[in-house]
Amino acid sequence: MEATIEDFGKLDIRIATIVAVEDHPNAEKLYILKLNVGSEERQVVAGMKGYYSKEEPVGKQIAFVYNLKPAVIRGAESQGMILAADDGKGKVVFLMPERKIENGSKVR
């Protein structure tokens, strides 16, 4: 399936800093992450438990989909989706800016 530039334009991708990571109480492979988006804090549920310790992502800036419709995942609300790359061989990493930028900055 091909996406048009208009399809891509519907996504609001922003930079946020991970300020806290907690185990999801109802899922073995999920974390609940608190993100500083600049003007607000967001909560995102992400399946990164097998790839990062709880302490490792704290303080890192990441890219995430800001305007994704909130969803309840195993009882916890997720207010966006963190972008990550998967090499298909067991390695998954967050997509991060190459240097520090203001939280809430839009990805273009």
Protein backbone atom coordinates (compact mmCIF):
# COMPACT_ATOMS: atom_id res chain seq x y z
CA MET A 1 0.00 0.00 0.00
CA GLU A 2 1.33 3.39 -0.95
CA ALA A 3 0.74 6.47 1.15
CA THR A 4 0.34 9.92 -0.34
CA ILE A 5 1.96 13.08 0.93
CA GLU A 6 -1.52 14.04 2.15
CA ASP A 7 -1.66 10.81 4.21
CA PHE A 8 1.71 11.61 5.79
CA GLY A 9 0.57 15.17 6.44
CA LYS A 10 -2.21 13.86 8.71
CA LEU A 11 0.39 12.63 11.22
CA ASP A 12 1.57 15.05 13.88
CA ILE A 13 4.95 13.63 14.88
CA ARG A 14 6.70 15.44 17.72
CA ILE A 15 9.76 15.17 19.92
CA ALA A 16 9.34 14.42 23.62
CA THR A 17 11.59 13.53 26.53
CA ILE A 18 10.93 10.34 28.47
CA VAL A 19 10.65 11.41 32.13
CA ALA A 20 9.54 8.14 33.75
CA VAL A 21 9.13 4.46 32.91
CA GLU A 22 6.98 2.02 34.87
CA ASP A 23 6.09 -1.63 34.44
CA HIS A 24 2.59 -2.11 33.07
CA PRO A 25 0.65 -3.84 35.87
CA ASN A 26 -1.34 -6.04 33.44
CA ALA A 27 1.23 -6.95 30.78
CA GLU A 28 4.65 -8.62 30.95
CA LYS A 29 6.15 -6.99 27.85
CA LEU A 30 4.78 -3.45 28.20
CA TYR A 31 5.99 -0.29 29.87
CA ILE A 32 4.01 2.81 30.72
CA LEU A 33 6.12 5.84 29.79
CA LYS A 34 5.57 9.44 30.85
CA LEU A 35 6.61 11.95 28.19
CA ASN A 36 7.35 15.67 28.46
CA VAL A 37 5.98 17.16 25.24
CA GLY A 38 6.84 20.74 26.19
CA SER A 39 3.41 22.17 26.91
CA GLU A 40 2.08 19.02 28.56
CA GLU A 41 2.85 15.53 29.80
CA ARG A 42 1.58 12.45 27.97
CA GLN A 43 1.36 8.77 28.90
CA VAL A 44 2.22 6.14 26.30
CA VAL A 45 2.11 2.35 26.54
CA ALA A 46 4.95 0.71 24.60
CA GLY A 47 6.19 -2.84 24.08
CA MET A 48 9.84 -2.01 24.77
CA LYS A 49 10.38 -4.11 27.91
CA GLY A 50 12.52 -6.73 26.18
CA TYR A 51 14.78 -4.07 24.65
CA TYR A 52 15.36 -1.48 27.39
CA SER A 53 15.63 -1.54 31.18
CA LYS A 54 13.29 0.84 33.01
CA GLU A 55 16.16 3.22 33.74
CA GLU A 56 17.79 3.32 30.30
CA PRO A 57 15.22 5.43 28.37
CA VAL A 58 14.73 8.09 31.08
CA GLY A 59 16.03 11.44 29.84
CA LYS A 60 16.13 10.39 26.18
CA GLN A 61 14.35 12.38 23.52
CA ILE A 62 12.21 10.34 21.14
CA ALA A 63 9.84 10.83 18.20
CA PHE A 64 6.20 9.95 18.72
CA VAL A 65 2.84 10.31 17.00
CA TYR A 66 1.15 13.10 18.94
CA ASN A 67 -2.28 13.06 17.29
CA LEU A 68 -2.99 9.33 17.46
CA LYS A 69 -6.41 8.66 18.94
CA PRO A 70 -5.96 7.59 22.60
CA ALA A 71 -6.42 3.88 23.27
CA VAL A 72 -6.71 1.77 26.39
CA ILE A 73 -4.10 -1.01 26.27
CA ARG A 74 -4.54 -3.73 28.90
CA GLY A 75 -6.23 -1.22 31.20
CA ALA A 76 -3.83 1.74 30.75
CA GLU A 77 -4.50 4.71 28.49
CA SER A 78 -1.95 5.37 25.74
CA GLN A 79 -1.93 8.94 24.39
CA GLY A 80 0.27 8.50 21.33
CA MET A 81 2.72 6.06 19.78
CA ILE A 82 6.48 6.09 20.15
CA LEU A 83 8.33 5.48 16.90
CA ALA A 84 10.94 2.72 16.87
CA ALA A 85 12.94 0.78 14.31
CA ASP A 86 12.98 -3.04 14.23
CA ASP A 87 15.71 -4.86 12.29
CA GLY A 88 13.70 -8.11 12.25
CA LYS A 89 16.53 -9.88 14.08
CA GLY A 90 15.60 -9.02 17.65
CA LYS A 91 16.91 -5.45 17.86
CA VAL A 92 14.44 -2.61 18.42
CA VAL A 93 15.50 0.99 19.07
CA PHE A 94 13.71 4.28 19.63
CA LEU A 95 13.87 6.89 16.86
CA MET A 96 15.69 9.85 18.39
CA PRO A 97 16.89 13.26 17.17
CA GLU A 98 20.62 13.49 16.52
CA ARG A 99 20.96 16.33 19.04
CA LYS A 100 18.80 17.93 21.72
CA ILE A 101 15.85 19.98 20.50
CA GLU A 102 12.93 21.63 22.27
CA ASN A 103 10.24 19.19 23.45
CA GLY A 104 7.12 19.49 21.33
CA SER A 105 9.11 20.23 18.15
CA LYS A 106 7.39 18.86 15.05
CA VAL A 107 9.04 16.28 12.82
CA ARG A 108 8.79 17.24 9.16
